[in-house]
Amino acid sequence: GCGTSRACAYCGLVNAVLESQNTGSKSTKECRISSNIEGKIQGWDLNVTVFPIVLSDITYHVITILDISDEKRRLALEKIFFHDILNSAGGLNGLLTILKEASDPEESRELIDLSEEVSRDILEEIILHKQIKAAETGDLKVKIELINSMEILESSIIKIKSHESVKNKAIVVSEDSSEVDFETDRILLQRILINLIKNALESTKPNGSVIAGIKETGDKIRFWIRNEEVMPAEIQMQIFQRSFSTKGSDRGIGTYSIKLLAENYLKGKVDFSSNESEGTIFWVDFNKKY
């Protein structure tokens, strides 16, 4: 029931109620909820206020709930577009300025390659948020085709090679990975795999490694990504919430988008484990036939 699961210890609503009961005053907190409506995941960001009133010598606690999902979504997008993408655009502008003054052909070639990588990252970020918005409104269209599991994993790794999170870290493909053809949307699956690998790399210490693999079981196929770090319990309980992020305020999108795209559009199932013996493993299961 409400308030009795492990995750409830980190719920804003439960903690607002407890705080109001303990202090006898008003308490306001944010609450994140993931709902399942007709088989589709939907994320909610709520502002919860709890305050006591006394009627006939009995104390009641009134709860008011305000949906701030749009506000949180706007803040996250502003953070990304006005901060991250602006920084990337500034870096691209700097590279082009240097390129304009470069006289050595070899140096020019290197600067052109770097500029291409930065511009591609900017486009990828914009496309990602366009896809997430379409996914949340139900407007995202899938294109199902037959693809190869090893090919899609390796191409995802190649695409992320130039990302900042890869510096001084290795991405290793497990030797026992299965190579199998199955039906899915290539672009959306690659987006999911890139985000999984990127998240694992960002949690990995310098000179560490991330292991990626593929497991075939009957009519199902599993992609998994492992890193050695263990997530704190507080993060584990909220990792798939829409606006929750381990990277600071207004940054929650990555893990939520993985679950949103995989489960709402690719008929997949995303989960994870995190413990001292294995580190952290995220996986996504799909049926071979869509």
C-alpha atoms as a PDB file:
ATOM      1  CA  GLY A   1       0.000   0.000   0.000  1.00  0.00           C
ATOM      2  CA  CYS A   2       0.913   3.683  -0.235  1.00  0.00           C
ATOM      3  CA  GLY A   3       3.790   4.492   2.097  1.00  0.00           C
ATOM      4  CA  THR A   4       4.874   0.913   2.786  1.00  0.00           C
ATOM      5  CA  SER A   5       7.378   0.019   0.039  1.00  0.00           C
ATOM      6  CA  ARG A   6      11.166   0.536   0.167  1.00  0.00           C
ATOM      7  CA  ALA A   7      10.921   3.366  -2.350  1.00  0.00           C
ATOM      8  CA  CYS A   8       8.412   5.229  -0.162  1.00  0.00           C
ATOM      9  CA  ALA A   9      11.237   6.289   2.162  1.00  0.00           C
ATOM     10  CA  TYR A  10      12.269   8.750  -0.563  1.00  0.00           C
ATOM     11  CA  CYS A  11       8.767   9.867  -1.604  1.00  0.00           C
ATOM     12  CA  GLY A  12       8.047  13.577  -1.211  1.00  0.00           C
ATOM     13  CA  LEU A  13       4.398  12.983  -0.325  1.00  0.00           C
ATOM     14  CA  VAL A  14       5.128  10.530   2.488  1.00  0.00           C
ATOM     15  CA  ASN A  15       7.875  12.731   3.912  1.00  0.00           C
ATOM     16  CA  ALA A  16       5.683  15.849   3.743  1.00  0.00           C
ATOM     17  CA  VAL A  17       2.958  14.043   5.717  1.00  0.00           C
ATOM     18  CA  LEU A  18       5.419  12.797   8.335  1.00  0.00           C
ATOM     19  CA  GLU A  19       7.063  16.219   8.674  1.00  0.00           C
ATOM     20  CA  SER A  20       3.716  17.967   9.097  1.00  0.00           C
ATOM     21  CA  GLN A  21       2.626  15.407  11.697  1.00  0.00           C
ATOM     22  CA  ASN A  22       5.882  15.749  13.631  1.00  0.00           C
ATOM     23  CA  THR A  23       6.108  19.556  13.560  1.00  0.00           C
ATOM     24  CA  GLY A  24       2.424  20.464  13.568  1.00  0.00           C
ATOM     25  CA  SER A  25       3.034  22.914  10.733  1.00  0.00           C
ATOM     26  CA  LYS A  26       2.797  23.114   6.938  1.00  0.00           C
ATOM     27  CA  SER A  27       5.236  21.060   4.842  1.00  0.00           C
ATOM     28  CA  THR A  28       5.810  21.320   1.076  1.00  0.00           C
ATOM     29  CA  LYS A  29       7.863  18.875  -0.976  1.00  0.00           C
ATOM     30  CA  GLU A  30       8.180  17.606  -4.545  1.00  0.00           C
ATOM     31  CA  CYS A  31       6.937  14.131  -5.409  1.00  0.00           C
ATOM     32  CA  ARG A  32       7.772  12.047  -8.480  1.00  0.00           C
ATOM     33  CA  ILE A  33       5.437   9.271  -9.607  1.00  0.00           C
ATOM     34  CA  SER A  34       5.653   6.864 -12.530  1.00  0.00           C
ATOM     35  CA  SER A  35       2.221   5.586 -13.528  1.00  0.00           C
ATOM     36  CA  ASN A  36       1.158   2.849 -15.911  1.00  0.00           C
ATOM     37  CA  ILE A  37      -1.925   3.846 -17.878  1.00  0.00           C
ATOM     38  CA  GLU A  38      -3.242   1.210 -20.298  1.00  0.00           C
ATOM     39  CA  GLY A  39       0.229  -0.343 -20.487  1.00  0.00           C
ATOM     40  CA  LYS A  40       2.004   2.971 -21.145  1.00  0.00           C
ATOM     41  CA  ILE A  41       4.511   4.560 -18.755  1.00  0.00           C
ATOM     42  CA  GLN A  42       3.778   8.149 -17.784  1.00  0.00           C
ATOM     43  CA  GLY A  43       5.904  10.306 -15.479  1.00  0.00           C
ATOM     44  CA  TRP A  44       4.445  12.871 -13.078  1.00  0.00           C
ATOM     45  CA  ASP A  45       6.138  15.667 -11.140  1.00  0.00           C
ATOM     46  CA  LEU A  46       3.986  16.941  -8.286  1.00  0.00           C
ATOM     47  CA  ASN A  47       4.233  19.678  -5.673  1.00  0.00           C
ATOM     48  CA  VAL A  48       2.708  18.364  -2.432  1.00  0.00           C
ATOM     49  CA  THR A  49       1.663  20.556   0.495  1.00  0.00           C
ATOM     50  CA  VAL A  50       0.438  19.101   3.807  1.00  0.00           C
ATOM     51  CA  PHE A  51      -0.959  21.199   6.659  1.00  0.00           C
ATOM     52  CA  PRO A  52      -2.815  20.393   9.901  1.00  0.00           C
ATOM     53  CA  ILE A  53      -6.312  21.565  10.817  1.00  0.00           C
ATOM     54  CA  VAL A  54      -8.213  20.899  14.047  1.00  0.00           C
ATOM     55  CA  LEU A  55     -11.905  20.046  13.969  1.00  0.00           C
ATOM     56  CA  SER A  56     -13.745  19.104  17.179  1.00  0.00           C
ATOM     57  CA  ASP A  57     -10.415  18.627  18.971  1.00  0.00           C
ATOM     58  CA  ILE A  58      -9.260  16.145  16.324  1.00  0.00           C
ATOM     59  CA  THR A  59      -6.213  16.985  14.189  1.00  0.00           C
ATOM     60  CA  TYR A  60      -6.494  16.225  10.497  1.00  0.00           C
ATOM     61  CA  HIS A  61      -3.847  16.752   7.832  1.00  0.00           C
ATOM     62  CA  VAL A  62      -4.970  18.204   4.523  1.00  0.00           C
ATOM     63  CA  ILE A  63      -2.979  17.273   1.410  1.00  0.00           C
ATOM     64  CA  THR A  64      -2.989  19.421  -1.724  1.00  0.00           C
ATOM     65  CA  ILE A  65      -1.309  18.221  -4.911  1.00  0.00           C
ATOM     66  CA  LEU A  66      -0.247  20.460  -7.790  1.00  0.00           C
ATOM     67  CA  ASP A  67       0.893  18.977 -11.107  1.00  0.00           C
ATOM     68  CA  ILE A  68       4.198  20.707 -12.005  1.00  0.00           C
ATOM     69  CA  SER A  69       5.195  18.233 -14.742  1.00  0.00           C
ATOM     70  CA  ASP A  70       5.214  20.894 -17.466  1.00  0.00           C
ATOM     71  CA  GLU A  71       7.306  23.242 -15.319  1.00  0.00           C
ATOM     72  CA  LYS A  72       9.882  20.544 -14.534  1.00  0.00           C
ATOM     73  CA  ARG A  73       9.995  19.520 -18.181  1.00  0.00           C
ATOM     74  CA  ARG A  74      10.594  23.134 -19.209  1.00  0.00           C
ATOM     75  CA  LEU A  75      13.349  23.568 -16.608  1.00  0.00           C
ATOM     76  CA  ALA A  76      15.097  20.408 -17.807  1.00  0.00           C
ATOM     77  CA  LEU A  77      14.931  21.483 -21.442  1.00  0.00           C
ATOM     78  CA  GLU A  78      16.148  24.976 -20.590  1.00  0.00           C
ATOM     79  CA  LYS A  79      19.062  23.483 -18.668  1.00  0.00           C
ATOM     80  CA  ILE A  80      20.051  21.365 -21.649  1.00  0.00           C
ATOM     81  CA  PHE A  81      19.396  23.836 -24.454  1.00  0.00           C
ATOM     82  CA  PHE A  82      20.599  26.993 -22.756  1.00  0.00           C
ATOM     83  CA  HIS A  83      23.542  25.437 -20.952  1.00  0.00           C
ATOM     84  CA  ASP A  84      24.804  22.172 -22.431  1.00  0.00           C
ATOM     85  CA  ILE A  85      24.016  22.861 -26.078  1.00  0.00           C
ATOM     86  CA  LEU A  86      25.127  26.483 -25.764  1.00  0.00           C
ATOM     87  CA  ASN A  87      28.469  25.264 -24.409  1.00  0.00           C
ATOM     88  CA  SER A  88      28.794  22.804 -27.291  1.00  0.00           C
ATOM     89  CA  ALA A  89      27.885  25.492 -29.813  1.00  0.00           C
ATOM     90  CA  GLY A  90      30.507  27.767 -28.228  1.00  0.00           C
ATOM     91  CA  GLY A  91      33.091  25.010 -28.555  1.00  0.00           C
ATOM     92  CA  LEU A  92      32.165  24.517 -32.200  1.00  0.00           C
ATOM     93  CA  ASN A  93      32.480  28.241 -32.834  1.00  0.00           C
ATOM     94  CA  GLY A  94      35.941  28.220 -31.233  1.00  0.00           C
ATOM     95  CA  LEU A  95      37.082  25.310 -33.392  1.00  0.00           C
ATOM     96  CA  LEU A  96      35.874  27.060 -36.553  1.00  0.00           C
ATOM     97  CA  THR A  97      37.687  30.244 -35.542  1.00  0.00           C
ATOM     98  CA  ILE A  98      40.943  28.319 -35.108  1.00  0.00           C
ATOM     99  CA  LEU A  99      40.308  26.476 -38.378  1.00  0.00           C
ATOM    100  CA  LYS A 100      39.941  29.753 -40.235  1.00  0.00           C
ATOM    101  CA  GLU A 101      43.426  30.773 -39.085  1.00  0.00           C
ATOM    102  CA  ALA A 102      45.086  27.369 -39.536  1.00  0.00           C
ATOM    103  CA  SER A 103      47.651  27.022 -42.309  1.00  0.00           C
ATOM    104  CA  ASP A 104      48.848  23.452 -41.788  1.00  0.00           C
ATOM    105  CA  PRO A 105      46.705  20.982 -43.864  1.00  0.00           C
ATOM    106  CA  GLU A 106      47.076  18.217 -41.259  1.00  0.00           C
ATOM    107  CA  GLU A 107      45.995  20.534 -38.447  1.00  0.00           C
ATOM    108  CA  SER A 108      43.075  21.741 -40.561  1.00  0.00           C
ATOM    109  CA  ARG A 109      41.943  18.166 -41.161  1.00  0.00           C
ATOM    110  CA  GLU A 110      41.999  17.423 -37.435  1.00  0.00           C
ATOM    111  CA  LEU A 111      40.032  20.585 -36.633  1.00  0.00           C
ATOM    112  CA  ILE A 112      37.443  19.716 -39.280  1.00  0.00           C
ATOM    113  CA  ASP A 113      37.025  16.235 -37.773  1.00  0.00           C
ATOM    114  CA  LEU A 114      36.596  17.695 -34.271  1.00  0.00           C
ATOM    115  CA  SER A 115      34.079  20.255 -35.554  1.00  0.00           C
ATOM    116  CA  GLU A 116      32.111  17.488 -37.230  1.00  0.00           C
ATOM    117  CA  GLU A 117      31.984  15.500 -33.974  1.00  0.00           C
ATOM    118  CA  VAL A 118      30.784  18.501 -31.960  1.00  0.00           C
ATOM    119  CA  SER A 119      28.116  19.450 -34.513  1.00  0.00           C
ATOM    120  CA  ARG A 120      26.924  15.827 -34.584  1.00  0.00           C
ATOM    121  CA  ASP A 121      26.628  15.814 -30.780  1.00  0.00           C
ATOM    122  CA  ILE A 122      24.524  18.985 -30.911  1.00  0.00           C
ATOM    123  CA  LEU A 123      22.196  17.506 -33.524  1.00  0.00           C
ATOM    124  CA  GLU A 124      21.927  14.230 -31.584  1.00  0.00           C
ATOM    125  CA  GLU A 125      20.934  16.090 -28.404  1.00  0.00           C
ATOM    126  CA  ILE A 126      18.246  18.082 -30.211  1.00  0.00           C
ATOM    127  CA  ILE A 127      16.867  14.963 -31.933  1.00  0.00           C
ATOM    128  CA  LEU A 128      16.811  13.098 -28.607  1.00  0.00           C
ATOM    129  CA  HIS A 129      14.606  15.690 -26.930  1.00  0.00           C
ATOM    130  CA  LYS A 130      12.362  15.892 -29.946  1.00  0.00           C
ATOM    131  CA  GLN A 131      11.911  12.109 -29.706  1.00  0.00           C
ATOM    132  CA  ILE A 132      11.220  12.232 -25.954  1.00  0.00           C
ATOM    133  CA  LYS A 133       8.584  14.911 -26.412  1.00  0.00           C
ATOM    134  CA  ALA A 134       6.924  12.894 -29.194  1.00  0.00           C
ATOM    135  CA  ALA A 135       7.112   9.746 -27.046  1.00  0.00           C
ATOM    136  CA  GLU A 136       5.407  11.433 -24.085  1.00  0.00           C
ATOM    137  CA  THR A 137       2.577  12.793 -26.228  1.00  0.00           C
ATOM    138  CA  GLY A 138       2.104   9.494 -28.085  1.00  0.00           C
ATOM    139  CA  ASP A 139       3.173  10.970 -31.420  1.00  0.00           C
ATOM    140  CA  LEU A 140       6.365   8.955 -31.869  1.00  0.00           C
ATOM    141  CA  LYS A 141       6.278   6.619 -34.875  1.00  0.00           C
ATOM    142  CA  VAL A 142       8.255   3.378 -34.943  1.00  0.00           C
ATOM    143  CA  LYS A 143       9.820   1.786 -38.003  1.00  0.00           C
ATOM    144  CA  ILE A 144      10.228  -1.931 -37.408  1.00  0.00           C
ATOM    145  CA  GLU A 145      12.883  -3.776 -39.399  1.00  0.00           C
ATOM    146  CA  LEU A 146      15.116  -6.825 -39.090  1.00  0.00           C
ATOM    147  CA  ILE A 147      18.455  -5.916 -37.502  1.00  0.00           C
ATOM    148  CA  ASN A 148      21.513  -7.760 -36.188  1.00  0.00           C
ATOM    149  CA  SER A 149      22.178  -7.601 -32.438  1.00  0.00           C
ATOM    150  CA  MET A 150      25.976  -7.399 -32.664  1.00  0.00           C
ATOM    151  CA  GLU A 151      25.898  -4.830 -35.470  1.00  0.00           C
ATOM    152  CA  ILE A 152      23.585  -2.466 -33.531  1.00  0.00           C
ATOM    153  CA  LEU A 153      25.665  -2.780 -30.344  1.00  0.00           C
ATOM    154  CA  GLU A 154      28.968  -2.134 -32.129  1.00  0.00           C
ATOM    155  CA  SER A 155      27.564   0.819 -34.089  1.00  0.00           C
ATOM    156  CA  SER A 156      26.231   2.321 -30.829  1.00  0.00           C
ATOM    157  CA  ILE A 157      29.695   2.024 -29.260  1.00  0.00           C
ATOM    158  CA  ILE A 158      31.302   3.689 -32.292  1.00  0.00           C
ATOM    159  CA  LYS A 159      28.853   6.607 -32.067  1.00  0.00           C
ATOM    160  CA  ILE A 160      29.721   7.279 -28.434  1.00  0.00           C
ATOM    161  CA  LYS A 161      33.510   6.984 -28.844  1.00  0.00           C
ATOM    162  CA  SER A 162      33.969  10.746 -29.156  1.00  0.00           C
ATOM    163  CA  HIS A 163      31.846  11.602 -26.114  1.00  0.00           C
ATOM    164  CA  GLU A 164      33.479  13.342 -23.159  1.00  0.00           C
ATOM    165  CA  SER A 165      32.530  10.478 -20.811  1.00  0.00           C
ATOM    166  CA  VAL A 166      34.715   7.999 -22.753  1.00  0.00           C
ATOM    167  CA  LYS A 167      38.004   9.774 -21.992  1.00  0.00           C
ATOM    168  CA  ASN A 168      40.437   7.481 -20.116  1.00  0.00           C
ATOM    169  CA  LYS A 169      37.823   4.715 -20.038  1.00  0.00           C
ATOM    170  CA  ALA A 170      37.244   1.545 -22.065  1.00  0.00           C
ATOM    171  CA  ILE A 171      34.107  -0.038 -23.543  1.00  0.00           C
ATOM    172  CA  VAL A 172      34.456  -3.817 -23.789  1.00  0.00           C
ATOM    173  CA  VAL A 173      32.068  -6.159 -25.620  1.00  0.00           C
ATOM    174  CA  SER A 174      31.591  -9.428 -23.725  1.00  0.00           C
ATOM    175  CA  GLU A 175      33.095 -12.379 -25.598  1.00  0.00           C
ATOM    176  CA  ASP A 176      30.021 -14.577 -25.039  1.00  0.00           C
ATOM    177  CA  SER A 177      27.650 -12.060 -26.653  1.00  0.00           C
ATOM    178  CA  SER A 178      25.002 -13.589 -28.909  1.00  0.00           C
ATOM    179  CA  GLU A 179      24.687 -12.531 -32.525  1.00  0.00           C
ATOM    180  CA  VAL A 180      21.067 -12.823 -33.593  1.00  0.00           C
ATOM    181  CA  ASP A 181      18.676 -11.130 -36.016  1.00  0.00           C
ATOM    182  CA  PHE A 182      15.494  -9.683 -34.506  1.00  0.00           C
ATOM    183  CA  GLU A 183      12.775  -7.101 -35.187  1.00  0.00           C
ATOM    184  CA  THR A 184      12.856  -3.597 -33.721  1.00  0.00           C
ATOM    185  CA  ASP A 185      13.237   0.103 -34.543  1.00  0.00           C
ATOM    186  CA  ARG A 186      16.939   0.652 -35.273  1.00  0.00           C
ATOM    187  CA  ILE A 187      17.059   4.362 -34.399  1.00  0.00           C
ATOM    188  CA  LEU A 188      15.200   4.050 -31.086  1.00  0.00           C
ATOM    189  CA  LEU A 189      17.180   0.991 -29.970  1.00  0.00           C
ATOM    190  CA  GLN A 190      20.462   2.710 -30.796  1.00  0.00           C
ATOM    191  CA  ARG A 191      19.300   5.705 -28.763  1.00  0.00           C
ATOM    192  CA  ILE A 192      18.581   3.404 -25.809  1.00  0.00           C
ATOM    193  CA  LEU A 193      21.930   1.612 -26.033  1.00  0.00           C
ATOM    194  CA  ILE A 194      23.883   4.875 -26.349  1.00  0.00           C
ATOM    195  CA  ASN A 195      22.163   6.274 -23.248  1.00  0.00           C
ATOM    196  CA  LEU A 196      22.810   3.074 -21.274  1.00  0.00           C
ATOM    197  CA  ILE A 197      26.496   3.073 -22.218  1.00  0.00           C
ATOM    198  CA  LYS A 198      26.853   6.818 -21.578  1.00  0.00           C
ATOM    199  CA  ASN A 199      25.266   6.507 -18.113  1.00  0.00           C
ATOM    200  CA  ALA A 200      27.575   3.602 -17.241  1.00  0.00           C
ATOM    201  CA  LEU A 201      30.643   5.543 -18.414  1.00  0.00           C
ATOM    202  CA  GLU A 202      29.692   8.619 -16.395  1.00  0.00           C
ATOM    203  CA  SER A 203      29.541   6.425 -13.275  1.00  0.00           C
ATOM    204  CA  THR A 204      32.913   4.812 -14.015  1.00  0.00           C
ATOM    205  CA  LYS A 205      36.176   6.056 -12.500  1.00  0.00           C
ATOM    206  CA  PRO A 206      39.096   7.104 -14.751  1.00  0.00           C
ATOM    207  CA  ASN A 207      40.974   4.137 -16.280  1.00  0.00           C
ATOM    208  CA  GLY A 208      37.958   1.942 -15.573  1.00  0.00           C
ATOM    209  CA  SER A 209      35.875   0.013 -18.074  1.00  0.00           C
ATOM    210  CA  VAL A 210      32.277  -0.660 -19.027  1.00  0.00           C
ATOM    211  CA  ILE A 211      31.253  -4.080 -20.307  1.00  0.00           C
ATOM    212  CA  ALA A 212      28.413  -4.500 -22.835  1.00  0.00           C
ATOM    213  CA  GLY A 213      26.871  -7.796 -23.860  1.00  0.00           C
ATOM    214  CA  ILE A 214      23.996  -9.601 -25.570  1.00  0.00           C
ATOM    215  CA  LYS A 215      22.227 -12.695 -24.261  1.00  0.00           C
ATOM    216  CA  GLU A 216      19.775 -14.831 -26.238  1.00  0.00           C
ATOM    217  CA  THR A 217      17.181 -16.859 -24.308  1.00  0.00           C
ATOM    218  CA  GLY A 218      14.515 -18.669 -26.302  1.00  0.00           C
ATOM    219  CA  ASP A 219      12.418 -16.101 -28.165  1.00  0.00           C
ATOM    220  CA  LYS A 220      13.949 -13.174 -26.247  1.00  0.00           C
ATOM    221  CA  ILE A 221      17.125 -11.130 -26.524  1.00  0.00           C
ATOM    222  CA  ARG A 222      18.775  -9.095 -23.765  1.00  0.00           C
ATOM    223  CA  PHE A 223      21.213  -6.185 -24.098  1.00  0.00           C
ATOM    224  CA  TRP A 224      23.116  -5.498 -20.880  1.00  0.00           C
ATOM    225  CA  ILE A 225      25.636  -2.880 -19.738  1.00  0.00           C
ATOM    226  CA  ARG A 226      27.788  -3.272 -16.611  1.00  0.00           C
ATOM    227  CA  ASN A 227      30.057  -0.972 -14.639  1.00  0.00           C
ATOM    228  CA  GLU A 228      31.838  -1.615 -11.341  1.00  0.00           C
ATOM    229  CA  GLU A 229      30.260   1.115  -9.209  1.00  0.00           C
ATOM    230  CA  VAL A 230      27.365   0.453  -6.809  1.00  0.00           C
ATOM    231  CA  MET A 231      24.460   2.907  -6.703  1.00  0.00           C
ATOM    232  CA  PRO A 232      23.314   4.173  -3.274  1.00  0.00           C
ATOM    233  CA  ALA A 233      19.881   2.907  -2.201  1.00  0.00           C
ATOM    234  CA  GLU A 234      18.362   6.384  -2.565  1.00  0.00           C
ATOM    235  CA  ILE A 235      19.334   6.500  -6.249  1.00  0.00           C
ATOM    236  CA  GLN A 236      18.213   2.924  -6.897  1.00  0.00           C
ATOM    237  CA  MET A 237      14.721   3.697  -5.590  1.00  0.00           C
ATOM    238  CA  GLN A 238      14.247   6.712  -7.907  1.00  0.00           C
ATOM    239  CA  ILE A 239      16.389   5.915 -10.949  1.00  0.00           C
ATOM    240  CA  PHE A 240      13.499   5.672 -13.456  1.00  0.00           C
ATOM    241  CA  GLN A 241      11.571   8.720 -12.222  1.00  0.00           C
ATOM    242  CA  ARG A 242      11.111  11.387 -14.872  1.00  0.00           C
ATOM    243  CA  SER A 243      12.899  14.346 -13.298  1.00  0.00           C
ATOM    244  CA  PHE A 244      15.302  12.460 -11.037  1.00  0.00           C
ATOM    245  CA  SER A 245      18.985  12.837 -11.838  1.00  0.00           C
ATOM    246  CA  THR A 246      22.297  11.981 -10.199  1.00  0.00           C
ATOM    247  CA  LYS A 247      23.905  14.915 -12.065  1.00  0.00           C
ATOM    248  CA  GLY A 248      22.256  17.818 -10.258  1.00  0.00           C
ATOM    249  CA  SER A 249      18.924  19.604 -10.363  1.00  0.00           C
ATOM    250  CA  ASP A 250      16.846  19.880 -13.545  1.00  0.00           C
ATOM    251  CA  ARG A 251      18.826  17.177 -15.345  1.00  0.00           C
ATOM    252  CA  GLY A 252      16.568  14.106 -15.102  1.00  0.00           C
ATOM    253  CA  ILE A 253      15.870  12.640 -18.537  1.00  0.00           C
ATOM    254  CA  GLY A 254      18.368   9.892 -19.420  1.00  0.00           C
ATOM    255  CA  THR A 255      17.239   6.760 -17.571  1.00  0.00           C
ATOM    256  CA  TYR A 256      13.585   7.756 -17.771  1.00  0.00           C
ATOM    257  CA  SER A 257      13.860   8.117 -21.558  1.00  0.00           C
ATOM    258  CA  ILE A 258      15.381   4.624 -21.809  1.00  0.00           C
ATOM    259  CA  LYS A 259      12.385   3.086 -20.058  1.00  0.00           C
ATOM    260  CA  LEU A 260       9.899   5.288 -21.921  1.00  0.00           C
ATOM    261  CA  LEU A 261      11.210   4.378 -25.392  1.00  0.00           C
ATOM    262  CA  ALA A 262      11.881   0.703 -24.665  1.00  0.00           C
ATOM    263  CA  GLU A 263       8.640  -0.171 -22.890  1.00  0.00           C
ATOM    264  CA  ASN A 264       6.106   2.166 -24.518  1.00  0.00           C
ATOM    265  CA  TYR A 265       7.335   1.806 -28.107  1.00  0.00           C
ATOM    266  CA  LEU A 266       9.576  -1.256 -28.540  1.00  0.00           C
ATOM    267  CA  LYS A 267       7.626  -3.714 -26.356  1.00  0.00           C
ATOM    268  CA  GLY A 268      10.727  -4.155 -24.191  1.00  0.00           C
ATOM    269  CA  LYS A 269      11.393  -4.347 -20.464  1.00  0.00           C
ATOM    270  CA  VAL A 270      14.116  -2.347 -18.681  1.00  0.00           C
ATOM    271  CA  ASP A 271      15.541  -3.224 -15.270  1.00  0.00           C
ATOM    272  CA  PHE A 272      18.784  -3.198 -13.303  1.00  0.00           C
ATOM    273  CA  SER A 273      20.664  -4.657 -10.348  1.00  0.00           C
ATOM    274  CA  SER A 274      23.318  -2.965  -8.229  1.00  0.00           C
ATOM    275  CA  ASN A 275      25.339  -4.700  -5.535  1.00  0.00           C
ATOM    276  CA  GLU A 276      28.892  -5.134  -4.238  1.00  0.00           C
ATOM    277  CA  SER A 277      29.539  -8.463  -5.981  1.00  0.00           C
ATOM    278  CA  GLU A 278      28.499  -7.491  -9.529  1.00  0.00           C
ATOM    279  CA  GLY A 279      28.546  -3.696  -9.590  1.00  0.00           C
ATOM    280  CA  THR A 280      25.684  -2.111 -11.536  1.00  0.00           C
ATOM    281  CA  ILE A 281      24.040  -3.860 -14.494  1.00  0.00           C
ATOM    282  CA  PHE A 282      21.271  -2.333 -16.611  1.00  0.00           C
ATOM    283  CA  TRP A 283      19.496  -4.516 -19.130  1.00  0.00           C
ATOM    284  CA  VAL A 284      16.690  -4.285 -21.649  1.00  0.00           C
ATOM    285  CA  ASP A 285      14.808  -7.363 -22.898  1.00  0.00           C
ATOM    286  CA  PHE A 286      13.034  -7.613 -26.254  1.00  0.00           C
ATOM    287  CA  ASN A 287      11.075 -10.266 -28.103  1.00  0.00           C
ATOM    288  CA  LYS A 288      12.877 -11.365 -31.272  1.00  0.00           C
ATOM    289  CA  LYS A 289       9.644 -10.867 -33.178  1.00  0.00           C
ATOM    290  CA  TYR A 290       8.026  -7.460 -32.657  1.00  0.00           C
END
